Amino acid sequence: MAETSRAAPTTLRERTRAAMRDEVVETAFRLFSEQGFDKTTVEQIAAEAGLSRTTFFRYFGTKEELILGKMSEFGPRIAAALAARPIDERPWEALRRSFDVITQPMADERQPFLNLMRLLDDACGLMTRQWEKTQGWHSLLVPVITRRLRDDPESAADLRANALVGSALSCLDAATDAWTATDGATPLSVLLDQAMEVLVEPTEKLD
């Protein structure tokens, strides 16, 4: 019987650090909502959280990281969810289901994620950084989809995987924009289904 791998338990120091990061992020988001991202300084965030400026930078490299850090966590989680999908599942459906890693938290914590999306929209620099991060998601997902297309020559499988992943991420972007614009009135999962269904016929030919 294969031995089940277990994640190493977190230490007290790691839990304390994580709790402090969460507190700083919460404080920062409150200030961003009240003053705007650009007008809120690191010094203000640190003071409100009861930290020195030096201690703040032990937890976060930049002010932008407070916002983008949460989004950056999703890439590896999406890739892991995609890899865990049934091997006989069509790639397009597997991609859709792997995005539940995003749609479910946004359903459970709608307002915090709406605030996050609005902050990204309000700051052009943040939008650029977020685009760079989603490109990183692309590089994580393509190898997983390529493995699902092994029946094709490697070059063709890689081309198809790039097209499928790029299209799926574009659908996710479109659905997220619509979700933010309507204040989350329609669940992101529903909007994502609608966006991805537009491409169902073309992608079925590629599966």
N, C-alpha and C. Protein backbone atom coordinates (compact mmCIF):
# COMPACT_ATOMS: atom_id res chain seq x y z
N MET A 1 0.86 -1.21 0.00
CA MET A 1 0.00 0.00 0.00
C MET A 1 0.88 1.24 0.00
N ALA A 2 0.51 2.20 -0.86
CA ALA A 2 1.31 3.42 -0.96
C ALA A 2 1.18 4.22 0.32
N GLU A 3 2.28 4.79 0.72
CA GLU A 3 2.29 5.58 1.94
C GLU A 3 1.72 6.96 1.66
N THR A 4 0.76 7.37 2.48
CA THR A 4 0.11 8.66 2.29
C THR A 4 1.02 9.77 2.81
N SER A 5 1.29 10.76 1.96
CA SER A 5 2.13 11.87 2.38
C SER A 5 1.31 12.88 3.15
N ARG A 6 1.88 13.43 4.18
CA ARG A 6 1.19 14.41 5.00
C ARG A 6 2.02 15.68 5.08
N ALA A 7 1.31 16.79 5.03
CA ALA A 7 2.00 18.07 5.14
C ALA A 7 2.53 18.23 6.56
N ALA A 8 3.71 18.79 6.67
CA ALA A 8 4.29 19.02 7.99
C ALA A 8 3.44 20.02 8.75
N PRO A 9 3.19 19.78 10.05
CA PRO A 9 2.37 20.72 10.82
C PRO A 9 3.07 22.07 10.93
N THR A 10 2.26 23.12 10.92
CA THR A 10 2.83 24.46 11.03
C THR A 10 3.27 24.71 12.46
N THR A 11 4.32 25.48 12.60
CA THR A 11 4.84 25.81 13.92
C THR A 11 4.06 27.00 14.50
N LEU A 12 4.23 27.22 15.79
CA LEU A 12 3.59 28.36 16.45
C LEU A 12 4.05 29.65 15.80
N ARG A 13 5.34 29.73 15.47
CA ARG A 13 5.87 30.94 14.84
C ARG A 13 5.20 31.20 13.49
N GLU A 14 5.01 30.13 12.72
CA GLU A 14 4.37 30.28 11.41
C GLU A 14 2.93 30.71 11.55
N ARG A 15 2.23 30.14 12.54
CA ARG A 15 0.83 30.52 12.75
C ARG A 15 0.72 31.97 13.21
N THR A 16 1.65 32.37 14.08
CA THR A 16 1.67 33.75 14.56
C THR A 16 1.94 34.72 13.41
N ARG A 17 2.88 34.35 12.55
CA ARG A 17 3.23 35.19 11.40
C ARG A 17 2.03 35.31 10.46
N ALA A 18 1.35 34.20 10.21
CA ALA A 18 0.19 34.21 9.33
C ALA A 18 -0.93 35.07 9.90
N ALA A 19 -1.14 34.97 11.23
CA ALA A 19 -2.17 35.78 11.87
C ALA A 19 -1.84 37.26 11.78
N MET A 20 -0.56 37.61 11.95
CA MET A 20 -0.16 39.00 11.84
C MET A 20 -0.34 39.52 10.42
N ARG A 21 0.02 38.71 9.43
CA ARG A 21 -0.16 39.11 8.03
C ARG A 21 -1.64 39.38 7.75
N ASP A 22 -2.50 38.49 8.24
CA ASP A 22 -3.94 38.66 8.02
C ASP A 22 -4.43 39.95 8.66
N GLU A 23 -3.93 40.26 9.85
CA GLU A 23 -4.34 41.48 10.55
C GLU A 23 -3.89 42.73 9.79
N VAL A 24 -2.68 42.69 9.26
CA VAL A 24 -2.16 43.83 8.50
C VAL A 24 -2.97 44.01 7.22
N VAL A 25 -3.27 42.91 6.54
CA VAL A 25 -4.06 42.99 5.31
C VAL A 25 -5.43 43.57 5.59
N GLU A 26 -6.07 43.13 6.67
CA GLU A 26 -7.39 43.66 7.03
C GLU A 26 -7.32 45.15 7.31
N THR A 27 -6.30 45.57 8.03
CA THR A 27 -6.11 46.99 8.32
C THR A 27 -5.89 47.79 7.05
N ALA A 28 -5.07 47.26 6.17
CA ALA A 28 -4.75 47.95 4.92
C ALA A 28 -6.00 48.10 4.05
N PHE A 29 -6.80 47.06 3.96
CA PHE A 29 -8.00 47.14 3.13
C PHE A 29 -8.98 48.17 3.66
N ARG A 30 -9.06 48.29 4.97
CA ARG A 30 -9.93 49.32 5.56
C ARG A 30 -9.44 50.70 5.17
N LEU A 31 -8.14 50.92 5.27
CA LEU A 31 -7.58 52.22 4.89
C LEU A 31 -7.72 52.48 3.40
N PHE A 32 -7.50 51.45 2.59
CA PHE A 32 -7.66 51.62 1.14
C PHE A 32 -9.08 52.02 0.79
N SER A 33 -10.05 51.41 1.49
CA SER A 33 -11.46 51.72 1.22
C SER A 33 -11.80 53.14 1.63
N GLU A 34 -11.18 53.61 2.71
CA GLU A 34 -11.47 54.95 3.22
C GLU A 34 -10.74 56.04 2.44
N GLN A 35 -9.50 55.77 2.04
CA GLN A 35 -8.65 56.82 1.47
C GLN A 35 -8.26 56.58 0.01
N GLY A 36 -8.41 55.36 -0.45
CA GLY A 36 -7.89 55.02 -1.77
C GLY A 36 -6.51 54.40 -1.63
N PHE A 37 -6.13 53.62 -2.62
CA PHE A 37 -4.85 52.91 -2.55
C PHE A 37 -3.67 53.88 -2.59
N ASP A 38 -3.69 54.80 -3.54
CA ASP A 38 -2.54 55.68 -3.73
C ASP A 38 -2.29 56.61 -2.55
N LYS A 39 -3.36 57.02 -1.86
CA LYS A 39 -3.22 57.98 -0.76
C LYS A 39 -2.89 57.30 0.58
N THR A 40 -2.93 56.00 0.59
CA THR A 40 -2.61 55.27 1.82
C THR A 40 -1.14 54.89 1.80
N THR A 41 -0.42 55.27 2.85
CA THR A 41 1.02 55.00 2.89
C THR A 41 1.32 53.77 3.74
N VAL A 42 2.51 53.25 3.53
CA VAL A 42 2.98 52.12 4.33
C VAL A 42 3.04 52.53 5.80
N GLU A 43 3.48 53.76 6.04
CA GLU A 43 3.58 54.24 7.42
C GLU A 43 2.21 54.24 8.11
N GLN A 44 1.18 54.64 7.40
CA GLN A 44 -0.17 54.64 7.98
C GLN A 44 -0.63 53.22 8.31
N ILE A 45 -0.40 52.31 7.36
CA ILE A 45 -0.82 50.93 7.57
C ILE A 45 -0.09 50.35 8.78
N ALA A 46 1.20 50.56 8.83
CA ALA A 46 2.00 50.02 9.94
C ALA A 46 1.54 50.58 11.28
N ALA A 47 1.28 51.90 11.31
CA ALA A 47 0.86 52.54 12.56
C ALA A 47 -0.49 51.99 13.02
N GLU A 48 -1.43 51.84 12.10
CA GLU A 48 -2.76 51.34 12.44
C GLU A 48 -2.68 49.89 12.93
N ALA A 49 -1.73 49.13 12.39
CA ALA A 49 -1.58 47.73 12.78
C ALA A 49 -0.68 47.56 13.99
N GLY A 50 -0.14 48.68 14.50
CA GLY A 50 0.73 48.61 15.67
C GLY A 50 2.11 48.09 15.38
N LEU A 51 2.60 48.35 14.15
CA LEU A 51 3.93 47.89 13.74
C LEU A 51 4.80 49.08 13.38
N SER A 52 6.10 48.86 13.40
CA SER A 52 7.00 49.85 12.85
C SER A 52 7.09 49.64 11.34
N ARG A 53 7.61 50.65 10.64
CA ARG A 53 7.77 50.52 9.19
C ARG A 53 8.70 49.35 8.87
N THR A 54 9.75 49.20 9.67
CA THR A 54 10.71 48.11 9.45
C THR A 54 10.05 46.76 9.61
N THR A 55 9.21 46.62 10.64
CA THR A 55 8.53 45.35 10.87
C THR A 55 7.54 45.05 9.75
N PHE A 56 6.87 46.09 9.24
CA PHE A 56 5.96 45.91 8.12
C PHE A 56 6.66 45.21 6.96
N PHE A 57 7.88 45.67 6.65
CA PHE A 57 8.59 45.12 5.51
C PHE A 57 9.16 43.73 5.78
N ARG A 58 9.09 43.27 7.00
CA ARG A 58 9.43 41.88 7.28
C ARG A 58 8.31 40.95 6.82
N TYR A 59 7.09 41.50 6.77
CA TYR A 59 5.94 40.71 6.38
C TYR A 59 5.57 40.90 4.91
N PHE A 60 5.79 42.10 4.40
CA PHE A 60 5.40 42.42 3.02
C PHE A 60 6.52 43.21 2.35
N GLY A 61 6.85 42.80 1.12
CA GLY A 61 7.91 43.50 0.40
C GLY A 61 7.49 44.85 -0.11
N THR A 62 6.20 44.99 -0.48
CA THR A 62 5.68 46.25 -1.01
C THR A 62 4.23 46.43 -0.55
N LYS A 63 3.73 47.62 -0.73
CA LYS A 63 2.31 47.87 -0.42
C LYS A 63 1.42 47.07 -1.37
N GLU A 64 1.84 46.94 -2.63
CA GLU A 64 1.07 46.19 -3.62
C GLU A 64 0.88 44.73 -3.22
N GLU A 65 1.88 44.20 -2.52
CA GLU A 65 1.81 42.79 -2.12
C GLU A 65 0.64 42.50 -1.20
N LEU A 66 0.21 43.52 -0.46
CA LEU A 66 -0.95 43.35 0.42
C LEU A 66 -2.17 42.93 -0.37
N ILE A 67 -2.31 43.47 -1.57
CA ILE A 67 -3.46 43.17 -2.42
C ILE A 67 -3.22 41.95 -3.29
N LEU A 68 -2.07 41.92 -3.92
CA LEU A 68 -1.81 40.87 -4.90
C LEU A 68 -1.42 39.54 -4.28
N GLY A 69 -0.99 39.56 -3.02
CA GLY A 69 -0.57 38.32 -2.38
C GLY A 69 -1.67 37.28 -2.36
N LYS A 70 -2.90 37.73 -2.09
CA LYS A 70 -4.02 36.80 -2.02
C LYS A 70 -4.28 36.17 -3.38
N MET A 71 -4.19 36.97 -4.44
CA MET A 71 -4.43 36.44 -5.77
C MET A 71 -3.33 35.48 -6.21
N SER A 72 -2.10 35.75 -5.79
CA SER A 72 -0.99 34.90 -6.21
C SER A 72 -1.10 33.49 -5.66
N GLU A 73 -1.82 33.35 -4.54
CA GLU A 73 -1.99 32.03 -3.93
C GLU A 73 -2.83 31.10 -4.80
N PHE A 74 -3.66 31.67 -5.66
CA PHE A 74 -4.60 30.85 -6.40
C PHE A 74 -3.96 30.03 -7.51
N GLY A 75 -2.89 30.53 -8.12
CA GLY A 75 -2.28 29.81 -9.24
C GLY A 75 -1.92 28.37 -8.93
N PRO A 76 -1.08 28.12 -7.91
CA PRO A 76 -0.74 26.74 -7.56
C PRO A 76 -1.94 25.91 -7.15
N ARG A 77 -2.93 26.55 -6.50
CA ARG A 77 -4.11 25.81 -6.08
C ARG A 77 -4.96 25.39 -7.28
N ILE A 78 -5.06 26.26 -8.27
CA ILE A 78 -5.80 25.89 -9.49
C ILE A 78 -5.10 24.75 -10.20
N ALA A 79 -3.78 24.84 -10.31
CA ALA A 79 -3.00 23.80 -10.98
C ALA A 79 -3.16 22.46 -10.26
N ALA A 80 -3.16 22.48 -8.93
CA ALA A 80 -3.32 21.25 -8.16
C ALA A 80 -4.72 20.66 -8.36
N ALA A 81 -5.72 21.54 -8.38
CA ALA A 81 -7.09 21.08 -8.60
C ALA A 81 -7.24 20.49 -9.99
N LEU A 82 -6.60 21.11 -10.97
CA LEU A 82 -6.65 20.61 -12.35
C LEU A 82 -5.99 19.24 -12.45
N ALA A 83 -4.85 19.07 -11.83
CA ALA A 83 -4.14 17.80 -11.87
C ALA A 83 -4.94 16.69 -11.20
N ALA A 84 -5.81 17.06 -10.25
CA ALA A 84 -6.59 16.06 -9.51
C ALA A 84 -7.88 15.67 -10.22
N ARG A 85 -8.22 16.34 -11.31
CA ARG A 85 -9.45 16.01 -12.04
C ARG A 85 -9.32 14.64 -12.70
N PRO A 86 -10.45 13.93 -12.89
CA PRO A 86 -10.40 12.61 -13.54
C PRO A 86 -9.69 12.68 -14.89
N ILE A 87 -8.82 11.73 -15.16
CA ILE A 87 -8.00 11.77 -16.36
C ILE A 87 -8.82 11.66 -17.63
N ASP A 88 -10.02 11.05 -17.55
CA ASP A 88 -10.85 10.91 -18.74
C ASP A 88 -11.79 12.09 -18.95
N GLU A 89 -11.70 13.09 -18.07
CA GLU A 89 -12.53 14.29 -18.20
C GLU A 89 -11.98 15.17 -19.31
N ARG A 90 -12.85 15.74 -20.09
CA ARG A 90 -12.40 16.61 -21.18
C ARG A 90 -11.62 17.80 -20.61
N PRO A 91 -10.56 18.21 -21.28
CA PRO A 91 -9.72 19.30 -20.77
C PRO A 91 -10.50 20.58 -20.46
N TRP A 92 -11.45 20.93 -21.31
CA TRP A 92 -12.22 22.17 -21.09
C TRP A 92 -13.04 22.08 -19.81
N GLU A 93 -13.66 20.94 -19.58
CA GLU A 93 -14.44 20.73 -18.36
C GLU A 93 -13.52 20.70 -17.15
N ALA A 94 -12.36 20.06 -17.30
CA ALA A 94 -11.41 20.00 -16.19
C ALA A 94 -10.94 21.40 -15.80
N LEU A 95 -10.69 22.24 -16.79
CA LEU A 95 -10.31 23.62 -16.50
C LEU A 95 -11.42 24.36 -15.77
N ARG A 96 -12.65 24.17 -16.25
CA ARG A 96 -13.77 24.85 -15.60
C ARG A 96 -13.89 24.44 -14.14
N ARG A 97 -13.79 23.16 -13.88
CA ARG A 97 -13.94 22.68 -12.51
C ARG A 97 -12.77 23.12 -11.63
N SER A 98 -11.59 23.25 -12.20
CA SER A 98 -10.44 23.69 -11.40
C SER A 98 -10.61 25.13 -10.95
N PHE A 99 -11.39 25.92 -11.69
CA PHE A 99 -11.64 27.31 -11.32
C PHE A 99 -12.58 27.44 -10.11
N ASP A 100 -13.14 26.31 -9.66
CA ASP A 100 -13.96 26.36 -8.44
C ASP A 100 -13.12 26.83 -7.26
N VAL A 101 -11.81 26.66 -7.37
CA VAL A 101 -10.89 27.13 -6.33
C VAL A 101 -11.04 28.64 -6.13
N ILE A 102 -11.45 29.34 -7.20
CA ILE A 102 -11.66 30.79 -7.12
C ILE A 102 -13.12 31.12 -6.88
N THR A 103 -14.02 30.48 -7.62
CA THR A 103 -15.43 30.86 -7.54
C THR A 103 -16.03 30.60 -6.17
N GLN A 104 -15.60 29.53 -5.49
CA GLN A 104 -16.19 29.21 -4.19
C GLN A 104 -15.82 30.24 -3.12
N PRO A 105 -14.53 30.60 -2.97
CA PRO A 105 -14.21 31.64 -1.98
C PRO A 105 -14.91 32.97 -2.28
N MET A 106 -15.06 33.31 -3.56
CA MET A 106 -15.72 34.56 -3.90
C MET A 106 -17.20 34.52 -3.55
N ALA A 107 -17.79 33.32 -3.57
CA ALA A 107 -19.18 33.18 -3.15
C ALA A 107 -19.30 33.27 -1.63
N ASP A 108 -18.32 32.68 -0.93
CA ASP A 108 -18.36 32.66 0.54
C ASP A 108 -18.01 34.02 1.15
N GLU A 109 -17.12 34.75 0.48
CA GLU A 109 -16.67 36.05 0.99
C GLU A 109 -16.82 37.11 -0.11
N ARG A 110 -18.05 37.34 -0.49
CA ARG A 110 -18.32 38.20 -1.64
C ARG A 110 -17.76 39.61 -1.48
N GLN A 111 -18.06 40.26 -0.36
CA GLN A 111 -17.67 41.66 -0.21
C GLN A 111 -16.16 41.87 -0.19
N PRO A 112 -15.40 41.06 0.57
CA PRO A 112 -13.95 41.24 0.53
C PRO A 112 -13.36 41.10 -0.86
N PHE A 113 -13.88 40.16 -1.64
CA PHE A 113 -13.35 39.97 -2.98
C PHE A 113 -13.81 41.08 -3.92
N LEU A 114 -15.01 41.61 -3.71
CA LEU A 114 -15.44 42.77 -4.50
C LEU A 114 -14.52 43.95 -4.22
N ASN A 115 -14.20 44.15 -2.95
CA ASN A 115 -13.28 45.24 -2.59
C ASN A 115 -11.93 45.05 -3.26
N LEU A 116 -11.47 43.80 -3.29
CA LEU A 116 -10.19 43.50 -3.92
C LEU A 116 -10.22 43.82 -5.41
N MET A 117 -11.27 43.39 -6.10
CA MET A 117 -11.38 43.63 -7.53
C MET A 117 -11.47 45.12 -7.84
N ARG A 118 -12.16 45.86 -6.99
CA ARG A 118 -12.28 47.31 -7.22
C ARG A 118 -10.95 48.01 -7.01
N LEU A 119 -10.19 47.54 -6.04
CA LEU A 119 -8.86 48.12 -5.85
C LEU A 119 -7.98 47.86 -7.06
N LEU A 120 -8.08 46.68 -7.62
CA LEU A 120 -7.31 46.36 -8.82
C LEU A 120 -7.73 47.26 -9.98
N ASP A 121 -9.04 47.50 -10.09
CA ASP A 121 -9.55 48.35 -11.16
C ASP A 121 -9.11 49.80 -10.99
N ASP A 122 -9.00 50.25 -9.74
CA ASP A 122 -8.70 51.65 -9.47
C ASP A 122 -7.23 52.01 -9.68
N ALA A 123 -6.37 51.03 -9.65
CA ALA A 123 -4.93 51.30 -9.75
C ALA A 123 -4.37 50.58 -10.98
N CYS A 124 -3.98 51.34 -11.98
CA CYS A 124 -3.47 50.76 -13.24
C CYS A 124 -2.25 49.88 -12.99
N GLY A 125 -1.38 50.32 -12.08
CA GLY A 125 -0.19 49.55 -11.79
C GLY A 125 -0.53 48.18 -11.22
N LEU A 126 -1.57 48.15 -10.37
CA LEU A 126 -1.99 46.88 -9.79
C LEU A 126 -2.57 45.97 -10.85
N MET A 127 -3.31 46.54 -11.80
CA MET A 127 -3.87 45.73 -12.88
C MET A 127 -2.76 45.09 -13.69
N THR A 128 -1.69 45.86 -13.93
CA THR A 128 -0.56 45.31 -14.68
C THR A 128 0.09 44.17 -13.93
N ARG A 129 0.29 44.35 -12.62
CA ARG A 129 0.89 43.30 -11.81
C ARG A 129 0.00 42.07 -11.76
N GLN A 130 -1.32 42.28 -11.67
CA GLN A 130 -2.24 41.14 -11.63
C GLN A 130 -2.22 40.40 -12.96
N TRP A 131 -2.12 41.13 -14.07
CA TRP A 131 -2.03 40.48 -15.38
C TRP A 131 -0.78 39.61 -15.44
N GLU A 132 0.30 40.11 -14.90
CA GLU A 132 1.54 39.33 -14.88
C GLU A 132 1.36 38.05 -14.08
N LYS A 133 0.62 38.13 -12.98
CA LYS A 133 0.40 36.95 -12.15
C LYS A 133 -0.47 35.93 -12.87
N THR A 134 -1.51 36.39 -13.59
CA THR A 134 -2.35 35.44 -14.30
C THR A 134 -1.59 34.79 -15.46
N GLN A 135 -0.62 35.49 -16.01
CA GLN A 135 0.25 34.86 -17.01
C GLN A 135 1.05 33.74 -16.36
N GLY A 136 1.39 33.94 -15.09
CA GLY A 136 2.06 32.87 -14.35
C GLY A 136 1.14 31.67 -14.18
N TRP A 137 -0.16 31.92 -13.97
CA TRP A 137 -1.12 30.82 -13.89
C TRP A 137 -1.10 30.02 -15.19
N HIS A 138 -1.00 30.73 -16.30
CA HIS A 138 -0.98 30.09 -17.62
C HIS A 138 0.16 29.07 -17.69
N SER A 139 1.32 29.47 -17.26
CA SER A 139 2.49 28.58 -17.33
C SER A 139 2.34 27.38 -16.41
N LEU A 140 1.56 27.51 -15.33
CA LEU A 140 1.32 26.40 -14.42
C LEU A 140 0.31 25.41 -14.99
N LEU A 141 -0.66 25.91 -15.72
CA LEU A 141 -1.76 25.07 -16.20
C LEU A 141 -1.44 24.34 -17.51
N VAL A 142 -0.65 24.97 -18.37
CA VAL A 142 -0.36 24.38 -19.68
C VAL A 142 0.25 22.98 -19.56
N PRO A 143 1.26 22.75 -18.72
CA PRO A 143 1.83 21.40 -18.64
C PRO A 143 0.81 20.35 -18.21
N VAL A 144 -0.14 20.73 -17.34
CA VAL A 144 -1.15 19.78 -16.87
C VAL A 144 -2.07 19.39 -18.02
N ILE A 145 -2.50 20.39 -18.80
CA ILE A 145 -3.36 20.10 -19.95
C ILE A 145 -2.60 19.33 -21.02
N THR A 146 -1.34 19.66 -21.22
CA THR A 146 -0.52 18.94 -22.21
C THR A 146 -0.48 17.45 -21.89
N ARG A 147 -0.37 17.12 -20.61
CA ARG A 147 -0.34 15.70 -20.22
C ARG A 147 -1.65 15.00 -20.55
N ARG A 148 -2.74 15.76 -20.59
CA ARG A 148 -4.03 15.17 -20.94
C ARG A 148 -4.17 14.96 -22.45
N LEU A 149 -3.26 15.52 -23.22
CA LEU A 149 -3.32 15.45 -24.68
C LEU A 149 -2.17 14.62 -25.24
N ARG A 150 -1.73 13.64 -24.49
CA ARG A 150 -0.55 12.87 -24.86
C ARG A 150 -0.74 12.03 -26.13
N ASP A 151 -1.99 11.84 -26.53
CA ASP A 151 -2.22 11.03 -27.72
C ASP A 151 -1.76 11.75 -28.98
N ASP A 152 -1.52 13.07 -28.86
CA ASP A 152 -1.07 13.86 -30.01
C ASP A 152 0.45 14.00 -29.97
N PRO A 153 1.05 14.33 -31.11
CA PRO A 153 2.48 14.67 -31.09
C PRO A 153 2.71 15.80 -30.10
N GLU A 154 3.87 15.81 -29.48
CA GLU A 154 4.15 16.75 -28.39
C GLU A 154 3.92 18.20 -28.81
N SER A 155 4.37 18.57 -30.00
CA SER A 155 4.23 19.97 -30.43
C SER A 155 2.77 20.36 -30.58
N ALA A 156 1.97 19.44 -31.14
CA ALA A 156 0.55 19.73 -31.34
C ALA A 156 -0.17 19.81 -29.99
N ALA A 157 0.17 18.90 -29.08
CA ALA A 157 -0.46 18.90 -27.76
C ALA A 157 -0.15 20.20 -27.03
N ASP A 158 1.09 20.67 -27.13
CA ASP A 158 1.48 21.90 -26.46
C ASP A 158 0.73 23.10 -27.05
N LEU A 159 0.58 23.12 -28.36
CA LEU A 159 -0.16 24.20 -29.02
C LEU A 159 -1.60 24.22 -28.56
N ARG A 160 -2.21 23.05 -28.54
CA ARG A 160 -3.61 22.96 -28.12
C ARG A 160 -3.76 23.34 -26.65
N ALA A 161 -2.83 22.90 -25.83
CA ALA A 161 -2.89 23.22 -24.41
C ALA A 161 -2.81 24.72 -24.18
N ASN A 162 -1.90 25.38 -24.89
CA ASN A 162 -1.77 26.83 -24.77
C ASN A 162 -3.06 27.53 -25.17
N ALA A 163 -3.68 27.05 -26.25
CA ALA A 163 -4.92 27.66 -26.73
C ALA A 163 -6.05 27.45 -25.73
N LEU A 164 -6.16 26.24 -25.20
CA LEU A 164 -7.23 25.94 -24.25
C LEU A 164 -7.07 26.75 -22.97
N VAL A 165 -5.87 26.77 -22.41
CA VAL A 165 -5.63 27.49 -21.16
C VAL A 165 -5.83 28.99 -21.35
N GLY A 166 -5.28 29.53 -22.44
CA GLY A 166 -5.45 30.95 -22.71
C GLY A 166 -6.91 31.34 -22.84
N SER A 167 -7.69 30.50 -23.53
CA SER A 167 -9.12 30.78 -23.70
C SER A 167 -9.86 30.69 -22.37
N ALA A 168 -9.52 29.69 -21.56
CA ALA A 168 -10.19 29.53 -20.27
C ALA A 168 -9.90 30.71 -19.35
N LEU A 169 -8.66 31.16 -19.31
CA LEU A 169 -8.31 32.31 -18.47
C LEU A 169 -8.99 33.59 -18.96
N SER A 170 -9.14 33.72 -20.27
CA SER A 170 -9.86 34.89 -20.81
C SER A 170 -11.32 34.85 -20.38
N CYS A 171 -11.91 33.66 -20.38
CA CYS A 171 -13.29 33.53 -19.90
C CYS A 171 -13.39 33.89 -18.42
N LEU A 172 -12.41 33.46 -17.65
CA LEU A 172 -12.40 33.79 -16.22
C LEU A 172 -12.29 35.29 -16.02
N ASP A 173 -11.44 35.94 -16.79
CA ASP A 173 -11.30 37.40 -16.70
C ASP A 173 -12.61 38.10 -17.04
N ALA A 174 -13.26 37.66 -18.14
CA ALA A 174 -14.52 38.28 -18.56
C ALA A 174 -15.60 38.09 -17.50
N ALA A 175 -15.67 36.90 -16.93
CA ALA A 175 -16.68 36.63 -15.91
C ALA A 175 -16.41 37.45 -14.65
N THR A 176 -15.15 37.57 -14.28
CA THR A 176 -14.80 38.35 -13.08
C THR A 176 -15.12 39.82 -13.28
N ASP A 177 -14.84 40.35 -14.47
CA ASP A 177 -15.18 41.75 -14.76
C ASP A 177 -16.70 41.97 -14.64
N ALA A 178 -17.48 41.04 -15.19
CA ALA A 178 -18.94 41.17 -15.13
C ALA A 178 -19.44 41.05 -13.70
N TRP A 179 -18.82 40.15 -12.94
CA TRP A 179 -19.21 39.95 -11.54
C TRP A 179 -18.94 41.22 -10.73
N THR A 180 -17.80 41.84 -10.95
CA THR A 180 -17.45 43.06 -10.24
C THR A 180 -18.36 44.21 -10.63
N ALA A 181 -18.63 44.33 -11.92
CA ALA A 181 -19.46 45.43 -12.43
C ALA A 181 -20.88 45.38 -11.89
N THR A 182 -21.37 44.19 -11.58
CA THR A 182 -22.75 44.04 -11.08
C THR A 182 -22.79 43.82 -9.58
N ASP A 183 -21.68 44.16 -8.88
CA ASP A 183 -21.61 44.02 -7.43
C ASP A 183 -21.89 42.59 -6.96
N GLY A 184 -21.50 41.63 -7.78
CA GLY A 184 -21.66 40.24 -7.38
C GLY A 184 -23.10 39.76 -7.34
N ALA A 185 -24.00 40.47 -8.05
CA ALA A 185 -25.42 40.10 -8.03
C ALA A 185 -25.64 38.69 -8.55
N THR A 186 -24.90 38.31 -9.58
CA THR A 186 -24.95 36.95 -10.11
C THR A 186 -23.67 36.24 -9.69
N PRO A 187 -23.79 35.03 -9.15
CA PRO A 187 -22.58 34.32 -8.70
C PRO A 187 -21.54 34.20 -9.80
N LEU A 188 -20.28 34.34 -9.42
CA LEU A 188 -19.19 34.23 -10.40
C LEU A 188 -19.23 32.89 -11.10
N SER A 189 -19.60 31.83 -10.39
CA SER A 189 -19.65 30.50 -11.02
C SER A 189 -20.63 30.47 -12.18
N VAL A 190 -21.76 31.16 -12.04
CA VAL A 190 -22.77 31.20 -13.10
C VAL A 190 -22.24 31.99 -14.29
N LEU A 191 -21.62 33.13 -14.02
CA LEU A 191 -21.07 33.95 -15.10
C LEU A 191 -19.94 33.22 -15.82
N LEU A 192 -19.14 32.48 -15.07
CA LEU A 192 -18.06 31.72 -15.69
C LEU A 192 -18.61 30.60 -16.56
N ASP A 193 -19.66 29.93 -16.10
CA ASP A 193 -20.31 28.90 -16.93
C ASP A 193 -20.79 29.51 -18.24
N GLN A 194 -21.41 30.69 -18.15
CA GLN A 194 -21.93 31.34 -19.35
C GLN A 194 -20.81 31.69 -20.31
N ALA A 195 -19.71 32.22 -19.76
CA ALA A 195 -18.59 32.61 -20.61
C ALA A 195 -17.95 31.41 -21.28
N MET A 196 -17.75 30.34 -20.53
CA MET A 196 -17.07 29.17 -21.08
C MET A 196 -17.97 28.37 -22.02
N GLU A 197 -19.28 28.46 -21.82
CA GLU A 197 -20.20 27.77 -22.73
C GLU A 197 -20.18 28.37 -24.13
N VAL A 198 -19.80 29.63 -24.23
CA VAL A 198 -19.70 30.27 -25.55
C VAL A 198 -18.70 29.52 -26.43
N LEU A 199 -17.67 28.94 -25.79
CA LEU A 199 -16.61 28.26 -26.53
C LEU A 199 -16.71 26.75 -26.46
N VAL A 200 -17.85 26.24 -26.01
CA VAL A 200 -17.98 24.80 -25.86
C VAL A 200 -17.81 24.07 -27.18
N GLU A 201 -18.49 24.53 -28.23
CA GLU A 201 -18.41 23.82 -29.50
C GLU A 201 -17.00 23.82 -30.08
N PRO A 202 -16.31 24.98 -30.15
CA PRO A 202 -14.95 24.95 -30.67
C PRO A 202 -14.02 24.07 -29.85
N THR A 203 -14.14 24.11 -28.53
CA THR A 203 -13.21 23.35 -27.71
C THR A 203 -13.53 21.86 -27.72
N GLU A 204 -14.79 21.50 -27.94
CA GLU A 204 -15.11 20.08 -28.04
C GLU A 204 -14.39 19.44 -29.22
N LYS A 205 -14.17 20.22 -30.27
CA LYS A 205 -13.44 19.70 -31.41
C LYS A 205 -11.98 19.48 -31.09
N LEU A 206 -11.50 20.21 -30.04
CA LEU A 206 -10.09 20.09 -29.67
C LEU A 206 -9.86 19.04 -28.59
N ASP A 207 -10.93 18.56 -27.95
CA ASP A 207 -10.76 17.61 -26.85
C ASP A 207 -10.45 16.21 -27.36
